[in-house]
Amino acid sequence: MDADKSTCGREPDSQYVELAVEVFGMLADATRVRLILALREGELSVTRLAEIVDKTPAATSQHLAKLRLARMVTTRREGQTIYYSLANEHASKLVSDAIFQAEHALESQPRHHHPGAGE
């Protein structure tokens, strides 16, 4: 069991700690958090994502490029349109957990603790 923790990098002296800090840094931007939240439901075009996060397509593309470099999102091209999707479930989980933590900071009974509340 301890070997599993070491292999997964969850020990305080893990080589992955600094990389984890970079992941948190990448998510330390409201637009990028909103993009991750928007992509939880599936693949979306840059134009649609720009509408959702209320930014220009150019600004949205810059944020998506950073998320792509961090390997949090992937792309697919169809003609002139580029579609983005989450690379895996971990970015979504991180953002959801951060939102849940924020609810704890603001509410004595966070919404995610209510019966029937989902992600």
PDB file of N, CA and C in Angstrom:
ATOM      1  N   MET A   1       0.825  -1.195   0.000  1.00  0.00           N
ATOM      2  CA  MET A   1       0.000   0.000   0.000  1.00  0.00           C
ATOM      3  C   MET A   1       0.865   1.253   0.000  1.00  0.00           C
ATOM      4  N   ASP A   2       1.924   1.302   0.801  1.00  0.00           N
ATOM      5  CA  ASP A   2       2.804   2.465   0.810  1.00  0.00           C
ATOM      6  C   ASP A   2       3.490   2.651  -0.527  1.00  0.00           C
ATOM      7  N   ALA A   3       3.785   1.549  -1.198  1.00  0.00           N
ATOM      8  CA  ALA A   3       4.422   1.647  -2.509  1.00  0.00           C
ATOM      9  C   ALA A   3       3.519   2.383  -3.495  1.00  0.00           C
ATOM     10  N   ASP A   4       2.205   2.165  -3.380  1.00  0.00           N
ATOM     11  CA  ASP A   4       1.279   2.852  -4.264  1.00  0.00           C
ATOM     12  C   ASP A   4       1.345   4.367  -4.074  1.00  0.00           C
ATOM     13  N   LYS A   5       1.430   4.820  -2.822  1.00  0.00           N
ATOM     14  CA  LYS A   5       1.505   6.259  -2.550  1.00  0.00           C
ATOM     15  C   LYS A   5       2.755   6.852  -3.180  1.00  0.00           C
ATOM     16  N   SER A   6       3.871   6.182  -3.032  1.00  0.00           N
ATOM     17  CA  SER A   6       5.134   6.678  -3.576  1.00  0.00           C
ATOM     18  C   SER A   6       5.083   6.722  -5.098  1.00  0.00           C
ATOM     19  N   THR A   7       4.545   5.671  -5.680  1.00  0.00           N
ATOM     20  CA  THR A   7       4.445   5.592  -7.129  1.00  0.00           C
ATOM     21  C   THR A   7       3.563   6.706  -7.675  1.00  0.00           C
ATOM     22  N   CYS A   8       2.491   7.016  -6.985  1.00  0.00           N
ATOM     23  CA  CYS A   8       1.570   8.053  -7.437  1.00  0.00           C
ATOM     24  C   CYS A   8       2.057   9.456  -7.099  1.00  0.00           C
ATOM     25  N   GLY A   9       3.118   9.561  -6.330  1.00  0.00           N
ATOM     26  CA  GLY A   9       3.677  10.873  -6.039  1.00  0.00           C
ATOM     27  C   GLY A   9       2.988  11.626  -4.937  1.00  0.00           C
ATOM     28  N   ARG A  10       2.322  10.932  -4.015  1.00  0.00           N
ATOM     29  CA  ARG A  10       1.573  11.631  -2.969  1.00  0.00           C
ATOM     30  C   ARG A  10       2.338  11.747  -1.662  1.00  0.00           C
ATOM     31  N   GLU A  11       3.632  11.622  -1.694  1.00  0.00           N
ATOM     32  CA  GLU A  11       4.460  11.804  -0.505  1.00  0.00           C
ATOM     33  C   GLU A  11       5.012  13.235  -0.499  1.00  0.00           C
ATOM     34  N   PRO A  12       5.256  13.814   0.681  1.00  0.00           N
ATOM     35  CA  PRO A  12       5.752  15.193   0.744  1.00  0.00           C
ATOM     36  C   PRO A  12       7.066  15.418  -0.010  1.00  0.00           C
ATOM     37  N   ASP A  13       7.882  14.384  -0.137  1.00  0.00           N
ATOM     38  CA  ASP A  13       9.161  14.550  -0.828  1.00  0.00           C
ATOM     39  C   ASP A  13       9.099  14.118  -2.294  1.00  0.00           C
ATOM     40  N   SER A  14       7.901  13.943  -2.821  1.00  0.00           N
ATOM     41  CA  SER A  14       7.719  13.491  -4.198  1.00  0.00           C
ATOM     42  C   SER A  14       8.274  14.490  -5.198  1.00  0.00           C
ATOM     43  N   GLN A  15       8.769  13.964  -6.284  1.00  0.00           N
ATOM     44  CA  GLN A  15       9.256  14.800  -7.377  1.00  0.00           C
ATOM     45  C   GLN A  15       8.115  15.560  -8.066  1.00  0.00           C
ATOM     46  N   TYR A  16       6.876  15.166  -7.802  1.00  0.00           N
ATOM     47  CA  TYR A  16       5.727  15.776  -8.455  1.00  0.00           C
ATOM     48  C   TYR A  16       5.177  16.993  -7.727  1.00  0.00           C
ATOM     49  N   VAL A  17       5.677  17.286  -6.542  1.00  0.00           N
ATOM     50  CA  VAL A  17       5.143  18.412  -5.769  1.00  0.00           C
ATOM     51  C   VAL A  17       5.293  19.720  -6.542  1.00  0.00           C
ATOM     52  N   GLU A  18       6.466  19.982  -7.099  1.00  0.00           N
ATOM     53  CA  GLU A  18       6.679  21.231  -7.835  1.00  0.00           C
ATOM     54  C   GLU A  18       5.784  21.307  -9.070  1.00  0.00           C
ATOM     55  N   LEU A  19       5.599  20.166  -9.731  1.00  0.00           N
ATOM     56  CA  LEU A  19       4.703  20.150 -10.888  1.00  0.00           C
ATOM     57  C   LEU A  19       3.255  20.396 -10.466  1.00  0.00           C
ATOM     58  N   ALA A  20       2.875  19.874  -9.318  1.00  0.00           N
ATOM     59  CA  ALA A  20       1.525  20.123  -8.807  1.00  0.00           C
ATOM     60  C   ALA A  20       1.316  21.613  -8.546  1.00  0.00           C
ATOM     61  N   VAL A  21       2.355  22.276  -8.034  1.00  0.00           N
ATOM     62  CA  VAL A  21       2.270  23.720  -7.800  1.00  0.00           C
ATOM     63  C   VAL A  21       2.069  24.452  -9.129  1.00  0.00           C
ATOM     64  N   GLU A  22       2.716  23.990 -10.180  1.00  0.00           N
ATOM     65  CA  GLU A  22       2.520  24.597 -11.499  1.00  0.00           C
ATOM     66  C   GLU A  22       1.084  24.393 -11.989  1.00  0.00           C
ATOM     67  N   VAL A  23       0.513  23.237 -11.698  1.00  0.00           N
ATOM     68  CA  VAL A  23      -0.888  22.982 -12.064  1.00  0.00           C
ATOM     69  C   VAL A  23      -1.791  23.973 -11.342  1.00  0.00           C
ATOM     70  N   PHE A  24      -1.567  24.157 -10.032  1.00  0.00           N
ATOM     71  CA  PHE A  24      -2.373  25.130  -9.294  1.00  0.00           C
ATOM     72  C   PHE A  24      -2.181  26.529  -9.856  1.00  0.00           C
ATOM     73  N   GLY A  25      -0.958  26.868 -10.230  1.00  0.00           N
ATOM     74  CA  GLY A  25      -0.692  28.171 -10.838  1.00  0.00           C
ATOM     75  C   GLY A  25      -1.462  28.351 -12.135  1.00  0.00           C
ATOM     76  N   MET A  26      -1.523  27.298 -12.936  1.00  0.00           N
ATOM     77  CA  MET A  26      -2.262  27.350 -14.198  1.00  0.00           C
ATOM     78  C   MET A  26      -3.748  27.592 -13.934  1.00  0.00           C
ATOM     79  N   LEU A  27      -4.253  27.073 -12.840  1.00  0.00           N
ATOM     80  CA  LEU A  27      -5.666  27.236 -12.508  1.00  0.00           C
ATOM     81  C   LEU A  27      -5.935  28.476 -11.658  1.00  0.00           C
ATOM     82  N   ALA A  28      -4.920  29.276 -11.415  1.00  0.00           N
ATOM     83  CA  ALA A  28      -5.077  30.491 -10.611  1.00  0.00           C
ATOM     84  C   ALA A  28      -5.523  31.664 -11.491  1.00  0.00           C
ATOM     85  N   ASP A  29      -6.477  31.395 -12.351  1.00  0.00           N
ATOM     86  CA  ASP A  29      -7.022  32.402 -13.255  1.00  0.00           C
ATOM     87  C   ASP A  29      -8.495  32.079 -13.473  1.00  0.00           C
ATOM     88  N   ALA A  30      -9.354  33.033 -13.221  1.00  0.00           N
ATOM     89  CA  ALA A  30     -10.799  32.789 -13.292  1.00  0.00           C
ATOM     90  C   ALA A  30     -11.252  32.348 -14.679  1.00  0.00           C
ATOM     91  N   THR A  31     -10.677  32.908 -15.729  1.00  0.00           N
ATOM     92  CA  THR A  31     -11.075  32.505 -17.081  1.00  0.00           C
ATOM     93  C   THR A  31     -10.730  31.046 -17.334  1.00  0.00           C
ATOM     94  N   ARG A  32      -9.544  30.615 -16.921  1.00  0.00           N
ATOM     95  CA  ARG A  32      -9.158  29.219 -17.145  1.00  0.00           C
ATOM     96  C   ARG A  32     -10.020  28.268 -16.315  1.00  0.00           C
ATOM     97  N   VAL A  33     -10.380  28.672 -15.110  1.00  0.00           N
ATOM     98  CA  VAL A  33     -11.285  27.847 -14.299  1.00  0.00           C
ATOM     99  C   VAL A  33     -12.641  27.744 -15.002  1.00  0.00           C
ATOM    100  N   ARG A  34     -13.134  28.854 -15.525  1.00  0.00           N
ATOM    101  CA  ARG A  34     -14.413  28.835 -16.237  1.00  0.00           C
ATOM    102  C   ARG A  34     -14.348  27.955 -17.488  1.00  0.00           C
ATOM    103  N   LEU A  35     -13.216  27.979 -18.179  1.00  0.00           N
ATOM    104  CA  LEU A  35     -13.058  27.125 -19.356  1.00  0.00           C
ATOM    105  C   LEU A  35     -13.104  25.648 -18.972  1.00  0.00           C
ATOM    106  N   ILE A  36     -12.428  25.289 -17.894  1.00  0.00           N
ATOM    107  CA  ILE A  36     -12.454  23.897 -17.428  1.00  0.00           C
ATOM    108  C   ILE A  36     -13.889  23.500 -17.071  1.00  0.00           C
ATOM    109  N   LEU A  37     -14.589  24.384 -16.365  1.00  0.00           N
ATOM    110  CA  LEU A  37     -15.982  24.098 -15.998  1.00  0.00           C
ATOM    111  C   LEU A  37     -16.846  23.915 -17.250  1.00  0.00           C
ATOM    112  N   ALA A  38     -16.646  24.758 -18.246  1.00  0.00           N
ATOM    113  CA  ALA A  38     -17.442  24.667 -19.474  1.00  0.00           C
ATOM    114  C   ALA A  38     -17.169  23.362 -20.215  1.00  0.00           C
ATOM    115  N   LEU A  39     -15.942  22.893 -20.169  1.00  0.00           N
ATOM    116  CA  LEU A  39     -15.565  21.692 -20.914  1.00  0.00           C
ATOM    117  C   LEU A  39     -15.944  20.387 -20.216  1.00  0.00           C
ATOM    118  N   ARG A  40     -16.491  20.472 -19.009  1.00  0.00           N
ATOM    119  CA  ARG A  40     -16.903  19.246 -18.307  1.00  0.00           C
ATOM    120  C   ARG A  40     -17.965  18.483 -19.080  1.00  0.00           C
ATOM    121  N   GLU A  41     -18.798  19.202 -19.814  1.00  0.00           N
ATOM    122  CA  GLU A  41     -19.891  18.559 -20.555  1.00  0.00           C
ATOM    123  C   GLU A  41     -19.437  17.993 -21.892  1.00  0.00           C
ATOM    124  N   GLY A  42     -18.217  18.318 -22.311  1.00  0.00           N
ATOM    125  CA  GLY A  42     -17.712  17.777 -23.577  1.00  0.00           C
ATOM    126  C   GLY A  42     -17.050  18.826 -24.432  1.00  0.00           C
ATOM    127  N   GLU A  43     -16.742  18.417 -25.622  1.00  0.00           N
ATOM    128  CA  GLU A  43     -15.992  19.211 -26.592  1.00  0.00           C
ATOM    129  C   GLU A  43     -16.760  20.460 -27.027  1.00  0.00           C
ATOM    130  N   LEU A  44     -16.018  21.587 -27.100  1.00  0.00           N
ATOM    131  CA  LEU A  44     -16.622  22.847 -27.543  1.00  0.00           C
ATOM    132  C   LEU A  44     -15.638  23.609 -28.426  1.00  0.00           C
ATOM    133  N   SER A  45     -16.177  24.421 -29.323  1.00  0.00           N
ATOM    134  CA  SER A  45     -15.341  25.250 -30.193  1.00  0.00           C
ATOM    135  C   SER A  45     -14.837  26.469 -29.427  1.00  0.00           C
ATOM    136  N   VAL A  46     -13.790  27.083 -29.949  1.00  0.00           N
ATOM    137  CA  VAL A  46     -13.252  28.304 -29.348  1.00  0.00           C
ATOM    138  C   VAL A  46     -14.329  29.388 -29.317  1.00  0.00           C
ATOM    139  N   THR A  47     -15.082  29.497 -30.401  1.00  0.00           N
ATOM    140  CA  THR A  47     -16.132  30.518 -30.469  1.00  0.00           C
ATOM    141  C   THR A  47     -17.163  30.317 -29.364  1.00  0.00           C
ATOM    142  N   ARG A  48     -17.597  29.085 -29.192  1.00  0.00           N
ATOM    143  CA  ARG A  48     -18.599  28.805 -28.143  1.00  0.00           C
ATOM    144  C   ARG A  48     -18.004  29.036 -26.758  1.00  0.00           C
ATOM    145  N   LEU A  49     -16.766  28.610 -26.543  1.00  0.00           N
ATOM    146  CA  LEU A  49     -16.123  28.836 -25.250  1.00  0.00           C
ATOM    147  C   LEU A  49     -15.977  30.326 -24.963  1.00  0.00           C
ATOM    148  N   ALA A  50     -15.639  31.111 -25.977  1.00  0.00           N
ATOM    149  CA  ALA A  50     -15.517  32.565 -25.805  1.00  0.00           C
ATOM    150  C   ALA A  50     -16.845  33.165 -25.360  1.00  0.00           C
ATOM    151  N   GLU A  51     -17.945  32.692 -25.940  1.00  0.00           N
ATOM    152  CA  GLU A  51     -19.270  33.165 -25.530  1.00  0.00           C
ATOM    153  C   GLU A  51     -19.542  32.808 -24.071  1.00  0.00           C
ATOM    154  N   ILE A  52     -19.206  31.589 -23.690  1.00  0.00           N
ATOM    155  CA  ILE A  52     -19.486  31.114 -22.329  1.00  0.00           C
ATOM    156  C   ILE A  52     -18.714  31.917 -21.292  1.00  0.00           C
ATOM    157  N   VAL A  53     -17.430  32.196 -21.569  1.00  0.00           N
ATOM    158  CA  VAL A  53     -16.598  32.891 -20.576  1.00  0.00           C
ATOM    159  C   VAL A  53     -16.609  34.408 -20.775  1.00  0.00           C
ATOM    160  N   ASP A  54     -17.377  34.886 -21.772  1.00  0.00           N
ATOM    161  CA  ASP A  54     -17.539  36.315 -22.040  1.00  0.00           C
ATOM    162  C   ASP A  54     -16.197  37.008 -22.307  1.00  0.00           C
ATOM    163  N   LYS A  55     -15.411  36.377 -23.184  1.00  0.00           N
ATOM    164  CA  LYS A  55     -14.124  36.929 -23.619  1.00  0.00           C
ATOM    165  C   LYS A  55     -14.092  36.896 -25.133  1.00  0.00           C
ATOM    166  N   THR A  56     -13.161  37.607 -25.728  1.00  0.00           N
ATOM    167  CA  THR A  56     -13.004  37.534 -27.175  1.00  0.00           C
ATOM    168  C   THR A  56     -12.435  36.164 -27.552  1.00  0.00           C
ATOM    169  N   PRO A  57     -12.685  35.721 -28.779  1.00  0.00           N
ATOM    170  CA  PRO A  57     -12.076  34.461 -29.205  1.00  0.00           C
ATOM    171  C   PRO A  57     -10.543  34.480 -29.095  1.00  0.00           C
ATOM    172  N   ALA A  58      -9.924  35.623 -29.373  1.00  0.00           N
ATOM    173  CA  ALA A  58      -8.462  35.713 -29.285  1.00  0.00           C
ATOM    174  C   ALA A  58      -7.981  35.515 -27.844  1.00  0.00           C
ATOM    175  N   ALA A  59      -8.628  36.186 -26.902  1.00  0.00           N
ATOM    176  CA  ALA A  59      -8.246  36.039 -25.491  1.00  0.00           C
ATOM    177  C   ALA A  59      -8.512  34.615 -25.016  1.00  0.00           C
ATOM    178  N   THR A  60      -9.642  34.048 -25.436  1.00  0.00           N
ATOM    179  CA  THR A  60      -9.982  32.681 -25.065  1.00  0.00           C
ATOM    180  C   THR A  60      -8.944  31.709 -25.614  1.00  0.00           C
ATOM    181  N   SER A  61      -8.535  31.927 -26.855  1.00  0.00           N
ATOM    182  CA  SER A  61      -7.515  31.067 -27.467  1.00  0.00           C
ATOM    183  C   SER A  61      -6.203  31.104 -26.699  1.00  0.00           C
ATOM    184  N   GLN A  62      -5.831  32.281 -26.198  1.00  0.00           N
ATOM    185  CA  GLN A  62      -4.590  32.386 -25.418  1.00  0.00           C
ATOM    186  C   GLN A  62      -4.677  31.565 -24.137  1.00  0.00           C
ATOM    187  N   HIS A  63      -5.811  31.628 -23.454  1.00  0.00           N
ATOM    188  CA  HIS A  63      -5.993  30.834 -22.235  1.00  0.00           C
ATOM    189  C   HIS A  63      -5.995  29.341 -22.559  1.00  0.00           C
ATOM    190  N   LEU A  64      -6.663  28.983 -23.644  1.00  0.00           N
ATOM    191  CA  LEU A  64      -6.712  27.578 -24.041  1.00  0.00           C
ATOM    192  C   LEU A  64      -5.328  27.063 -24.438  1.00  0.00           C
ATOM    193  N   ALA A  65      -4.527  27.915 -25.049  1.00  0.00           N
ATOM    194  CA  ALA A  65      -3.163  27.514 -25.419  1.00  0.00           C
ATOM    195  C   ALA A  65      -2.346  27.181 -24.171  1.00  0.00           C
ATOM    196  N   LYS A  66      -2.516  27.971 -23.126  1.00  0.00           N
ATOM    197  CA  LYS A  66      -1.808  27.686 -21.870  1.00  0.00           C
ATOM    198  C   LYS A  66      -2.289  26.371 -21.270  1.00  0.00           C
ATOM    199  N   LEU A  67      -3.596  26.151 -21.283  1.00  0.00           N
ATOM    200  CA  LEU A  67      -4.131  24.890 -20.763  1.00  0.00           C
ATOM    201  C   LEU A  67      -3.670  23.701 -21.609  1.00  0.00           C
ATOM    202  N   ARG A  68      -3.508  23.933 -22.888  1.00  0.00           N
ATOM    203  CA  ARG A  68      -3.024  22.864 -23.776  1.00  0.00           C
ATOM    204  C   ARG A  68      -1.559  22.545 -23.483  1.00  0.00           C
ATOM    205  N   LEU A  69      -0.743  23.585 -23.296  1.00  0.00           N
ATOM    206  CA  LEU A  69       0.664  23.357 -22.942  1.00  0.00           C
ATOM    207  C   LEU A  69       0.795  22.610 -21.623  1.00  0.00           C
ATOM    208  N   ALA A  70      -0.129  22.856 -20.716  1.00  0.00           N
ATOM    209  CA  ALA A  70      -0.138  22.165 -19.423  1.00  0.00           C
ATOM    210  C   ALA A  70      -0.770  20.775 -19.531  1.00  0.00           C
ATOM    211  N   ARG A  71      -1.183  20.404 -20.733  1.00  0.00           N
ATOM    212  CA  ARG A  71      -1.800  19.107 -21.018  1.00  0.00           C
ATOM    213  C   ARG A  71      -3.110  18.883 -20.257  1.00  0.00           C
ATOM    214  N   MET A  72      -3.826  19.971 -20.040  1.00  0.00           N
ATOM    215  CA  MET A  72      -5.140  19.874 -19.395  1.00  0.00           C
ATOM    216  C   MET A  72      -6.254  19.760 -20.415  1.00  0.00           C
ATOM    217  N   VAL A  73      -6.023  20.285 -21.622  1.00  0.00           N
ATOM    218  CA  VAL A  73      -7.000  20.187 -22.698  1.00  0.00           C
ATOM    219  C   VAL A  73      -6.323  19.651 -23.953  1.00  0.00           C
ATOM    220  N   THR A  74      -7.145  19.099 -24.822  1.00  0.00           N
ATOM    221  CA  THR A  74      -6.667  18.634 -26.122  1.00  0.00           C
ATOM    222  C   THR A  74      -7.507  19.302 -27.199  1.00  0.00           C
ATOM    223  N   THR A  75      -7.016  19.221 -28.430  1.00  0.00           N
ATOM    224  CA  THR A  75      -7.714  19.864 -29.544  1.00  0.00           C
ATOM    225  C   THR A  75      -8.032  18.862 -30.648  1.00  0.00           C
ATOM    226  N   ARG A  76      -9.009  19.270 -31.437  1.00  0.00           N
ATOM    227  CA  ARG A  76      -9.371  18.546 -32.651  1.00  0.00           C
ATOM    228  C   ARG A  76      -9.795  19.592 -33.660  1.00  0.00           C
ATOM    229  N   ARG A  77      -9.272  19.479 -34.871  1.00  0.00           N
ATOM    230  CA  ARG A  77      -9.627  20.435 -35.926  1.00  0.00           C
ATOM    231  C   ARG A  77     -10.629  19.795 -36.872  1.00  0.00           C
ATOM    232  N   GLU A  78     -11.650  20.582 -37.215  1.00  0.00           N
ATOM    233  CA  GLU A  78     -12.626  20.175 -38.223  1.00  0.00           C
ATOM    234  C   GLU A  78     -12.787  21.358 -39.165  1.00  0.00           C
ATOM    235  N   GLY A  79     -12.150  21.292 -40.311  1.00  0.00           N
ATOM    236  CA  GLY A  79     -12.144  22.426 -41.236  1.00  0.00           C
ATOM    237  C   GLY A  79     -11.392  23.585 -40.608  1.00  0.00           C
ATOM    238  N   GLN A  80     -12.049  24.727 -40.501  1.00  0.00           N
ATOM    239  CA  GLN A  80     -11.444  25.912 -39.889  1.00  0.00           C
ATOM    240  C   GLN A  80     -11.690  25.999 -38.390  1.00  0.00           C
ATOM    241  N   THR A  81     -12.493  25.090 -37.862  1.00  0.00           N
ATOM    242  CA  THR A  81     -12.890  25.159 -36.457  1.00  0.00           C
ATOM    243  C   THR A  81     -12.033  24.245 -35.605  1.00  0.00           C
ATOM    244  N   ILE A  82     -11.565  24.788 -34.477  1.00  0.00           N
ATOM    245  CA  ILE A  82     -10.810  23.989 -33.513  1.00  0.00           C
ATOM    246  C   ILE A  82     -11.710  23.731 -32.320  1.00  0.00           C
ATOM    247  N   TYR A  83     -11.795  22.479 -31.941  1.00  0.00           N
ATOM    248  CA  TYR A  83     -12.592  22.061 -30.799  1.00  0.00           C
ATOM    249  C   TYR A  83     -11.666  21.661 -29.659  1.00  0.00           C
ATOM    250  N   TYR A  84     -12.052  22.036 -28.465  1.00  0.00           N
ATOM    251  CA  TYR A  84     -11.283  21.713 -27.266  1.00  0.00           C
ATOM    252  C   TYR A  84     -12.073  20.756 -26.388  1.00  0.00           C
ATOM    253  N   SER A  85     -11.341  19.893 -25.699  1.00  0.00           N
ATOM    254  CA  SER A  85     -11.941  19.006 -24.709  1.00  0.00           C
ATOM    255  C   SER A  85     -10.936  18.795 -23.592  1.00  0.00           C
ATOM    256  N   LEU A  86     -11.418  18.331 -22.454  1.00  0.00           N
ATOM    257  CA  LEU A  86     -10.523  18.043 -21.338  1.00  0.00           C
ATOM    258  C   LEU A  86      -9.659  16.835 -21.681  1.00  0.00           C
ATOM    259  N   ALA A  87      -8.390  16.906 -21.322  1.00  0.00           N
ATOM    260  CA  ALA A  87      -7.466  15.813 -21.615  1.00  0.00           C
ATOM    261  C   ALA A  87      -7.759  14.591 -20.751  1.00  0.00           C
ATOM    262  N   ASN A  88      -8.246  14.835 -19.539  1.00  0.00           N
ATOM    263  CA  ASN A  88      -8.615  13.754 -18.618  1.00  0.00           C
ATOM    264  C   ASN A  88      -9.530  14.342 -17.555  1.00  0.00           C
ATOM    265  N   GLU A  89      -9.944  13.530 -16.616  1.00  0.00           N
ATOM    266  CA  GLU A  89     -10.902  13.978 -15.595  1.00  0.00           C
ATOM    267  C   GLU A  89     -10.274  14.779 -14.459  1.00  0.00           C
ATOM    268  N   HIS A  90      -8.955  14.830 -14.379  1.00  0.00           N
ATOM    269  CA  HIS A  90      -8.308  15.419 -13.208  1.00  0.00           C
ATOM    270  C   HIS A  90      -8.473  16.937 -13.101  1.00  0.00           C
ATOM    271  N   ALA A  91      -8.369  17.665 -14.202  1.00  0.00           N
ATOM    272  CA  ALA A  91      -8.552  19.119 -14.138  1.00  0.00           C
ATOM    273  C   ALA A  91      -9.969  19.453 -13.683  1.00  0.00           C
ATOM    274  N   SER A  92     -10.936  18.711 -14.192  1.00  0.00           N
ATOM    275  CA  SER A  92     -12.327  18.921 -13.778  1.00  0.00           C
ATOM    276  C   SER A  92     -12.492  18.653 -12.291  1.00  0.00           C
ATOM    277  N   LYS A  93     -11.885  17.599 -11.804  1.00  0.00           N
ATOM    278  CA  LYS A  93     -11.977  17.248 -10.384  1.00  0.00           C
ATOM    279  C   LYS A  93     -11.310  18.320  -9.522  1.00  0.00           C
ATOM    280  N   LEU A  94     -10.138  18.791  -9.944  1.00  0.00           N
ATOM    281  CA  LEU A  94      -9.458  19.854  -9.193  1.00  0.00           C
ATOM    282  C   LEU A  94     -10.326  21.102  -9.088  1.00  0.00           C
ATOM    283  N   VAL A  95     -10.909  21.504 -10.205  1.00  0.00           N
ATOM    284  CA  VAL A  95     -11.740  22.707 -10.221  1.00  0.00           C
ATOM    285  C   VAL A  95     -12.992  22.490  -9.383  1.00  0.00           C
ATOM    286  N   SER A  96     -13.622  21.337  -9.509  1.00  0.00           N
ATOM    287  CA  SER A  96     -14.808  21.058  -8.695  1.00  0.00           C
ATOM    288  C   SER A  96     -14.471  21.093  -7.211  1.00  0.00           C
ATOM    289  N   ASP A  97     -13.363  20.474  -6.827  1.00  0.00           N
ATOM    290  CA  ASP A  97     -12.964  20.481  -5.420  1.00  0.00           C
ATOM    291  C   ASP A  97     -12.656  21.900  -4.941  1.00  0.00           C
ATOM    292  N   ALA A  98     -12.063  22.722  -5.795  1.00  0.00           N
ATOM    293  CA  ALA A  98     -11.787  24.114  -5.414  1.00  0.00           C
ATOM    294  C   ALA A  98     -13.091  24.890  -5.220  1.00  0.00           C
ATOM    295  N   ILE A  99     -14.068  24.644  -6.084  1.00  0.00           N
ATOM    296  CA  ILE A  99     -15.378  25.289  -5.937  1.00  0.00           C
ATOM    297  C   ILE A  99     -16.031  24.839  -4.630  1.00  0.00           C
ATOM    298  N   PHE A 100     -15.943  23.541  -4.336  1.00  0.00           N
ATOM    299  CA  PHE A 100     -16.505  23.030  -3.082  1.00  0.00           C
ATOM    300  C   PHE A 100     -15.816  23.672  -1.881  1.00  0.00           C
ATOM    301  N   GLN A 101     -14.505  23.833  -1.945  1.00  0.00           N
ATOM    302  CA  GLN A 101     -13.776  24.476  -0.855  1.00  0.00           C
ATOM    303  C   GLN A 101     -14.218  25.932  -0.706  1.00  0.00           C
ATOM    304  N   ALA A 102     -14.435  26.600  -1.834  1.00  0.00           N
ATOM    305  CA  ALA A 102     -14.918  27.985  -1.793  1.00  0.00           C
ATOM    306  C   ALA A 102     -16.297  28.062  -1.145  1.00  0.00           C
ATOM    307  N   GLU A 103     -17.157  27.080  -1.426  1.00  0.00           N
ATOM    308  CA  GLU A 103     -18.468  27.048  -0.781  1.00  0.00           C
ATOM    309  C   GLU A 103     -18.331  26.955   0.729  1.00  0.00           C
ATOM    310  N   HIS A 104     -17.366  26.170   1.210  1.00  0.00           N
ATOM    311  CA  HIS A 104     -17.135  26.063   2.653  1.00  0.00           C
ATOM    312  C   HIS A 104     -16.730  27.407   3.249  1.00  0.00           C
ATOM    313  N   ALA A 105     -16.001  28.200   2.497  1.00  0.00           N
ATOM    314  CA  ALA A 105     -15.551  29.504   2.988  1.00  0.00           C
ATOM    315  C   ALA A 105     -16.704  30.495   3.102  1.00  0.00           C
ATOM    316  N   LEU A 106     -17.761  30.282   2.317  1.00  0.00           N
ATOM    317  CA  LEU A 106     -18.848  31.259   2.270  1.00  0.00           C
ATOM    318  C   LEU A 106     -20.149  30.813   2.927  1.00  0.00           C
ATOM    319  N   GLU A 107     -20.322  29.510   3.086  1.00  0.00           N
ATOM    320  CA  GLU A 107     -21.601  29.004   3.571  1.00  0.00           C
ATOM    321  C   GLU A 107     -21.401  28.039   4.736  1.00  0.00           C
ATOM    322  N   SER A 108     -22.277  28.129   5.735  1.00  0.00           N
ATOM    323  CA  SER A 108     -22.169  27.181   6.850  1.00  0.00           C
ATOM    324  C   SER A 108     -22.642  25.793   6.431  1.00  0.00           C
ATOM    325  N   GLN A 109     -23.570  25.719   5.493  1.00  0.00           N
ATOM    326  CA  GLN A 109     -24.032  24.451   4.924  1.00  0.00           C
ATOM    327  C   GLN A 109     -23.808  24.502   3.409  1.00  0.00           C
ATOM    328  N   PRO A 110     -22.607  24.154   2.950  1.00  0.00           N
ATOM    329  CA  PRO A 110     -22.328  24.234   1.507  1.00  0.00           C
ATOM    330  C   PRO A 110     -23.323  23.421   0.687  1.00  0.00           C
ATOM    331  N   ARG A 111     -23.641  23.930  -0.489  1.00  0.00           N
ATOM    332  CA  ARG A 111     -24.620  23.286  -1.362  1.00  0.00           C
ATOM    333  C   ARG A 111     -24.256  21.841  -1.690  1.00  0.00           C
ATOM    334  N   HIS A 112     -22.970  21.561  -1.826  1.00  0.00           N
ATOM    335  CA  HIS A 112     -22.596  20.203  -2.206  1.00  0.00           C
ATOM    336  C   HIS A 112     -22.798  19.190  -1.078  1.00  0.00           C
ATOM    337  N   HIS A 113     -23.119  19.659   0.122  1.00  0.00           N
ATOM    338  CA  HIS A 113     -23.436  18.762   1.235  1.00  0.00           C
ATOM    339  C   HIS A 113     -24.930  18.504   1.388  1.00  0.00           C
ATOM    340  N   HIS A 114     -25.744  19.201   0.619  1.00  0.00           N
ATOM    341  CA  HIS A 114     -27.190  19.010   0.678  1.00  0.00           C
ATOM    342  C   HIS A 114     -27.546  17.692   0.015  1.00  0.00           C
ATOM    343  N   PRO A 115     -28.522  16.995   0.554  1.00  0.00           N
ATOM    344  CA  PRO A 115     -28.954  15.722  -0.064  1.00  0.00           C
ATOM    345  C   PRO A 115     -29.368  15.946  -1.512  1.00  0.00           C
ATOM    346  N   GLY A 116     -28.888  15.078  -2.380  1.00  0.00           N
ATOM    347  CA  GLY A 116     -29.244  15.167  -3.792  1.00  0.00           C
ATOM    348  C   GLY A 116     -28.409  16.135  -4.587  1.00  0.00           C
ATOM    349  N   ALA A 117     -27.478  16.852  -3.925  1.00  0.00           N
ATOM    350  CA  ALA A 117     -26.621  17.786  -4.657  1.00  0.00           C
ATOM    351  C   ALA A 117     -25.599  17.001  -5.452  1.00  0.00           C
ATOM    352  N   GLY A 118     -25.421  17.366  -6.695  1.00  0.00           N
ATOM    353  CA  GLY A 118     -24.442  16.691  -7.549  1.00  0.00           C
ATOM    354  C   GLY A 118     -23.373  17.647  -7.990  1.00  0.00           C
ATOM    355  N   GLU A 119     -22.395  17.098  -8.681  1.00  0.00           N
ATOM    356  CA  GLU A 119     -21.318  17.935  -9.206  1.00  0.00           C
ATOM    357  C   GLU A 119     -21.761  18.615 -10.417  1.00  0.00           C
TER     358      GLU A 119
END
